[in-house]
């Protein structure tokens, strides 16, 4: 199963996305709503202002 297929179950829901930098030294948690899934990326919105971010699925660890 591709990660995009797993994410499809959570579209429109509030989620926590755990990411790591390319070098593996920095990590962060994004408290967001999963809006859209593409080939290798996900679109999420955060906060009351609904700030949008695109996250590379290669950087998602949890």
PDB file of N, CA and C in Angstrom:
ATOM      1  N   UNK A   1       0.850  -1.182   0.000  1.00  0.00           N
ATOM      2  CA  UNK A   1       0.000   0.000   0.000  1.00  0.00           C
ATOM      3  C   UNK A   1       0.890   1.237   0.000  1.00  0.00           C
ATOM      4  N   UNK A   2       0.569   2.172  -0.884  1.00  0.00           N
ATOM      5  CA  UNK A   2       1.286   3.441  -0.927  1.00  0.00           C
ATOM      6  C   UNK A   2       0.775   4.333   0.203  1.00  0.00           C
ATOM      7  N   UNK A   3       1.628   5.233   0.658  1.00  0.00           N
ATOM      8  CA  UNK A   3       1.248   6.133   1.753  1.00  0.00           C
ATOM      9  C   UNK A   3       0.054   7.001   1.364  1.00  0.00           C
ATOM     10  N   UNK A   4      -0.043   7.373   0.088  1.00  0.00           N
ATOM     11  CA  UNK A   4      -1.175   8.177  -0.355  1.00  0.00           C
ATOM     12  C   UNK A   4      -2.500   7.430  -0.158  1.00  0.00           C
ATOM     13  N   UNK A   5      -2.498   6.125  -0.372  1.00  0.00           N
ATOM     14  CA  UNK A   5      -3.698   5.314  -0.159  1.00  0.00           C
ATOM     15  C   UNK A   5      -4.071   5.273   1.318  1.00  0.00           C
ATOM     16  N   UNK A   6      -3.083   5.199   2.179  1.00  0.00           N
ATOM     17  CA  UNK A   6      -3.345   5.188   3.621  1.00  0.00           C
ATOM     18  C   UNK A   6      -3.910   6.531   4.078  1.00  0.00           C
ATOM     19  N   UNK A   7      -3.395   7.625   3.532  1.00  0.00           N
ATOM     20  CA  UNK A   7      -3.876   8.955   3.898  1.00  0.00           C
ATOM     21  C   UNK A   7      -5.318   9.199   3.453  1.00  0.00           C
ATOM     22  N   UNK A   8      -5.749   8.538   2.405  1.00  0.00           N
ATOM     23  CA  UNK A   8      -7.089   8.767   1.854  1.00  0.00           C
ATOM     24  C   UNK A   8      -8.178   8.570   2.904  1.00  0.00           C
ATOM     25  N   UNK A   9      -7.958   7.700   3.870  1.00  0.00           N
ATOM     26  CA  UNK A   9      -8.942   7.469   4.939  1.00  0.00           C
ATOM     27  C   UNK A   9      -9.127   8.678   5.835  1.00  0.00           C
ATOM     28  N   UNK A  10      -8.167   9.602   5.829  1.00  0.00           N
ATOM     29  CA  UNK A  10      -8.180  10.730   6.753  1.00  0.00           C
ATOM     30  C   UNK A  10      -8.480  12.075   6.094  1.00  0.00           C
ATOM     31  N   UNK A  11      -8.869  12.074   4.833  1.00  0.00           N
ATOM     32  CA  UNK A  11      -9.189  13.325   4.147  1.00  0.00           C
ATOM     33  C   UNK A  11     -10.282  14.091   4.894  1.00  0.00           C
ATOM     34  N   UNK A  12     -10.038  15.381   5.104  1.00  0.00           N
ATOM     35  CA  UNK A  12     -11.005  16.236   5.776  1.00  0.00           C
ATOM     36  C   UNK A  12     -10.992  16.131   7.291  1.00  0.00           C
ATOM     37  N   UNK A  13     -10.127  15.303   7.841  1.00  0.00           N
ATOM     38  CA  UNK A  13     -10.062  15.124   9.289  1.00  0.00           C
ATOM     39  C   UNK A  13      -8.849  15.840   9.877  1.00  0.00           C
ATOM     40  N   UNK A  14      -8.962  16.166  11.170  1.00  0.00           N
ATOM     41  CA  UNK A  14      -7.824  16.741  11.885  1.00  0.00           C
ATOM     42  C   UNK A  14      -6.853  15.620  12.211  1.00  0.00           C
ATOM     43  N   UNK A  15      -5.574  15.855  11.928  1.00  0.00           N
ATOM     44  CA  UNK A  15      -4.536  14.854  12.134  1.00  0.00           C
ATOM     45  C   UNK A  15      -3.269  15.517  12.679  1.00  0.00           C
ATOM     46  N   UNK A  16      -2.384  14.703  13.199  1.00  0.00           N
ATOM     47  CA  UNK A  16      -1.031  15.118  13.537  1.00  0.00           C
ATOM     48  C   UNK A  16      -0.106  14.449  12.537  1.00  0.00           C
ATOM     49  N   UNK A  17       0.708  15.249  11.851  1.00  0.00           N
ATOM     50  CA  UNK A  17       1.651  14.722  10.875  1.00  0.00           C
ATOM     51  C   UNK A  17       3.053  14.935  11.425  1.00  0.00           C
ATOM     52  N   UNK A  18       3.790  13.857  11.602  1.00  0.00           N
ATOM     53  CA  UNK A  18       5.155  13.921  12.104  1.00  0.00           C
ATOM     54  C   UNK A  18       6.099  13.889  10.910  1.00  0.00           C
ATOM     55  N   UNK A  19       6.982  14.886  10.834  1.00  0.00           N
ATOM     56  CA  UNK A  19       7.905  14.984   9.706  1.00  0.00           C
ATOM     57  C   UNK A  19       9.350  14.996  10.184  1.00  0.00           C
ATOM     58  N   UNK A  20      10.244  14.705   9.268  1.00  0.00           N
ATOM     59  CA  UNK A  20      11.671  14.772   9.528  1.00  0.00           C
ATOM     60  C   UNK A  20      12.320  15.474   8.339  1.00  0.00           C
ATOM     61  N   UNK A  21      13.409  16.205   8.601  1.00  0.00           N
ATOM     62  CA  UNK A  21      14.101  16.896   7.520  1.00  0.00           C
ATOM     63  C   UNK A  21      14.857  15.894   6.660  1.00  0.00           C
ATOM     64  N   UNK A  22      15.288  16.320   5.496  1.00  0.00           N
ATOM     65  CA  UNK A  22      16.010  15.437   4.588  1.00  0.00           C
ATOM     66  C   UNK A  22      17.255  14.849   5.246  1.00  0.00           C
ATOM     67  N   UNK A  23      17.941  15.631   6.055  1.00  0.00           N
ATOM     68  CA  UNK A  23      19.139  15.139   6.723  1.00  0.00           C
ATOM     69  C   UNK A  23      18.837  14.272   7.923  1.00  0.00           C
ATOM     70  N   UNK A  24      17.590  14.280   8.365  1.00  0.00           N
ATOM     71  CA  UNK A  24      17.185  13.453   9.487  1.00  0.00           C
ATOM     72  C   UNK A  24      17.465  14.057  10.850  1.00  0.00           C
ATOM     73  N   UNK A  25      18.002  15.288  10.890  1.00  0.00           N
ATOM     74  CA  UNK A  25      18.378  15.864  12.174  1.00  0.00           C
ATOM     75  C   UNK A  25      17.254  16.657  12.834  1.00  0.00           C
ATOM     76  N   UNK A  26      16.311  17.177  12.066  1.00  0.00           N
ATOM     77  CA  UNK A  26      15.221  17.969  12.619  1.00  0.00           C
ATOM     78  C   UNK A  26      13.893  17.262  12.395  1.00  0.00           C
ATOM     79  N   UNK A  27      13.020  17.343  13.390  1.00  0.00           N
ATOM     80  CA  UNK A  27      11.692  16.780  13.209  1.00  0.00           C
ATOM     81  C   UNK A  27      10.669  17.766  13.755  1.00  0.00           C
ATOM     82  N   UNK A  28       9.432  17.632  13.291  1.00  0.00           N
ATOM     83  CA  UNK A  28       8.371  18.509  13.762  1.00  0.00           C
ATOM     84  C   UNK A  28       7.040  17.777  13.684  1.00  0.00           C
ATOM     85  N   UNK A  29       6.054  18.353  14.368  1.00  0.00           N
ATOM     86  CA  UNK A  29       4.700  17.820  14.354  1.00  0.00           C
ATOM     87  C   UNK A  29       3.784  18.915  13.830  1.00  0.00           C
ATOM     88  N   UNK A  30       2.962  18.572  12.855  1.00  0.00           N
ATOM     89  CA  UNK A  30       2.025  19.538  12.275  1.00  0.00           C
ATOM     90  C   UNK A  30       0.621  19.133  12.711  1.00  0.00           C
ATOM     91  N   UNK A  31      -0.052  19.996  13.471  1.00  0.00           N
ATOM     92  CA  UNK A  31      -1.444  19.796  13.885  1.00  0.00           C
ATOM     93  C   UNK A  31      -2.286  20.440  12.796  1.00  0.00           C
ATOM     94  N   UNK A  32      -2.992  19.636  11.993  1.00  0.00           N
ATOM     95  CA  UNK A  32      -3.601  20.174  10.784  1.00  0.00           C
ATOM     96  C   UNK A  32      -4.823  19.376  10.350  1.00  0.00           C
ATOM     97  N   UNK A  33      -5.450  19.855   9.277  1.00  0.00           N
ATOM     98  CA  UNK A  33      -6.521  19.131   8.602  1.00  0.00           C
ATOM     99  C   UNK A  33      -5.986  18.689   7.252  1.00  0.00           C
ATOM    100  N   UNK A  34      -6.134  17.420   6.942  1.00  0.00           N
ATOM    101  CA  UNK A  34      -5.666  16.871   5.674  1.00  0.00           C
ATOM    102  C   UNK A  34      -6.667  17.240   4.584  1.00  0.00           C
ATOM    103  N   UNK A  35      -6.234  18.038   3.610  1.00  0.00           N
ATOM    104  CA  UNK A  35      -7.130  18.585   2.598  1.00  0.00           C
ATOM    105  C   UNK A  35      -7.091  17.852   1.262  1.00  0.00           C
ATOM    106  N   UNK A  36      -5.884  17.491   0.804  1.00  0.00           N
ATOM    107  CA  UNK A  36      -5.750  16.912  -0.530  1.00  0.00           C
ATOM    108  C   UNK A  36      -4.514  16.018  -0.576  1.00  0.00           C
ATOM    109  N   UNK A  37      -4.556  15.007  -1.426  1.00  0.00           N
ATOM    110  CA  UNK A  37      -3.446  14.082  -1.581  1.00  0.00           C
ATOM    111  C   UNK A  37      -3.028  14.054  -3.044  1.00  0.00           C
ATOM    112  N   UNK A  38      -1.730  14.146  -3.272  1.00  0.00           N
ATOM    113  CA  UNK A  38      -1.211  14.061  -4.636  1.00  0.00           C
ATOM    114  C   UNK A  38      -0.205  12.930  -4.718  1.00  0.00           C
ATOM    115  N   UNK A  39       0.504  12.849  -5.811  1.00  0.00           N
ATOM    116  CA  UNK A  39       1.515  11.821  -6.004  1.00  0.00           C
ATOM    117  C   UNK A  39       2.813  12.262  -5.327  1.00  0.00           C
ATOM    118  N   UNK A  40       2.995  11.864  -4.081  1.00  0.00           N
ATOM    119  CA  UNK A  40       4.196  12.225  -3.336  1.00  0.00           C
ATOM    120  C   UNK A  40       4.046  13.437  -2.443  1.00  0.00           C
ATOM    121  N   UNK A  41       2.834  13.970  -2.315  1.00  0.00           N
ATOM    122  CA  UNK A  41       2.627  15.145  -1.461  1.00  0.00           C
ATOM    123  C   UNK A  41       1.231  15.129  -0.863  1.00  0.00           C
ATOM    124  N   UNK A  42       1.071  15.872   0.232  1.00  0.00           N
ATOM    125  CA  UNK A  42      -0.244  16.100   0.832  1.00  0.00           C
ATOM    126  C   UNK A  42      -0.388  17.594   1.102  1.00  0.00           C
ATOM    127  N   UNK A  43      -1.605  18.083   0.974  1.00  0.00           N
ATOM    128  CA  UNK A  43      -1.928  19.471   1.281  1.00  0.00           C
ATOM    129  C   UNK A  43      -2.653  19.491   2.616  1.00  0.00           C
ATOM    130  N   UNK A  44      -2.193  20.353   3.524  1.00  0.00           N
ATOM    131  CA  UNK A  44      -2.801  20.454   4.848  1.00  0.00           C
ATOM    132  C   UNK A  44      -3.086  21.919   5.160  1.00  0.00           C
ATOM    133  N   UNK A  45      -4.074  22.158   6.031  1.00  0.00           N
ATOM    134  CA  UNK A  45      -4.352  23.504   6.515  1.00  0.00           C
ATOM    135  C   UNK A  45      -4.223  23.504   8.026  1.00  0.00           C
ATOM    136  N   UNK A  46      -3.786  24.648   8.548  1.00  0.00           N
ATOM    137  CA  UNK A  46      -3.547  24.781   9.981  1.00  0.00           C
ATOM    138  C   UNK A  46      -4.210  26.027  10.539  1.00  0.00           C
ATOM    139  N   UNK A  47      -4.697  25.921  11.769  1.00  0.00           N
ATOM    140  CA  UNK A  47      -5.172  27.066  12.518  1.00  0.00           C
ATOM    141  C   UNK A  47      -6.466  27.666  12.011  1.00  0.00           C
ATOM    142  N   UNK A  48      -6.899  28.708  12.718  1.00  0.00           N
ATOM    143  CA  UNK A  48      -8.133  29.408  12.367  1.00  0.00           C
ATOM    144  C   UNK A  48      -8.025  30.124  11.025  1.00  0.00           C
ATOM    145  N   UNK A  49      -6.802  30.543  10.667  1.00  0.00           N
ATOM    146  CA  UNK A  49      -6.587  31.237   9.398  1.00  0.00           C
ATOM    147  C   UNK A  49      -6.523  30.263   8.224  1.00  0.00           C
ATOM    148  N   UNK A  50      -6.494  28.962   8.539  1.00  0.00           N
ATOM    149  CA  UNK A  50      -6.439  27.897   7.534  1.00  0.00           C
ATOM    150  C   UNK A  50      -5.248  28.082   6.596  1.00  0.00           C
ATOM    151  N   UNK A  51      -4.083  28.326   7.204  1.00  0.00           N
ATOM    152  CA  UNK A  51      -2.847  28.450   6.435  1.00  0.00           C
ATOM    153  C   UNK A  51      -2.549  27.115   5.766  1.00  0.00           C
ATOM    154  N   UNK A  52      -2.277  27.152   4.459  1.00  0.00           N
ATOM    155  CA  UNK A  52      -2.062  25.926   3.698  1.00  0.00           C
ATOM    156  C   UNK A  52      -0.579  25.617   3.565  1.00  0.00           C
ATOM    157  N   UNK A  53      -0.245  24.329   3.670  1.00  0.00           N
ATOM    158  CA  UNK A  53       1.119  23.851   3.462  1.00  0.00           C
ATOM    159  C   UNK A  53       1.070  22.606   2.599  1.00  0.00           C
ATOM    160  N   UNK A  54       2.116  22.404   1.837  1.00  0.00           N
ATOM    161  CA  UNK A  54       2.290  21.187   1.048  1.00  0.00           C
ATOM    162  C   UNK A  54       3.439  20.418   1.695  1.00  0.00           C
ATOM    163  N   UNK A  55       3.214  19.143   2.001  1.00  0.00           N
ATOM    164  CA  UNK A  55       4.218  18.328   2.676  1.00  0.00           C
ATOM    165  C   UNK A  55       4.615  17.168   1.762  1.00  0.00           C
ATOM    166  N   UNK A  56       5.907  16.989   1.564  1.00  0.00           N
ATOM    167  CA  UNK A  56       6.435  15.880   0.783  1.00  0.00           C
ATOM    168  C   UNK A  56       6.256  14.608   1.610  1.00  0.00           C
ATOM    169  N   UNK A  57       5.613  13.579   1.037  1.00  0.00           N
ATOM    170  CA  UNK A  57       5.359  12.357   1.811  1.00  0.00           C
ATOM    171  C   UNK A  57       6.650  11.617   2.167  1.00  0.00           C
ATOM    172  N   UNK A  58       7.747  11.877   1.459  1.00  0.00           N
ATOM    173  CA  UNK A  58       9.021  11.262   1.800  1.00  0.00           C
ATOM    174  C   UNK A  58       9.526  11.751   3.151  1.00  0.00           C
ATOM    175  N   UNK A  59       9.029  12.903   3.619  1.00  0.00           N
ATOM    176  CA  UNK A  59       9.463  13.467   4.887  1.00  0.00           C
ATOM    177  C   UNK A  59       8.535  13.105   6.047  1.00  0.00           C
ATOM    178  N   UNK A  60       7.467  12.378   5.775  1.00  0.00           N
ATOM    179  CA  UNK A  60       6.513  12.014   6.837  1.00  0.00           C
ATOM    180  C   UNK A  60       6.954  10.689   7.456  1.00  0.00           C
ATOM    181  N   UNK A  61       7.092  10.700   8.795  1.00  0.00           N
ATOM    182  CA  UNK A  61       7.523   9.495   9.481  1.00  0.00           C
ATOM    183  C   UNK A  61       6.406   8.859  10.295  1.00  0.00           C
ATOM    184  N   UNK A  62       5.350   9.613  10.564  1.00  0.00           N
ATOM    185  CA  UNK A  62       4.233   9.067  11.341  1.00  0.00           C
ATOM    186  C   UNK A  62       2.995   9.870  11.074  1.00  0.00           C
TER     187      UNK A  62
END
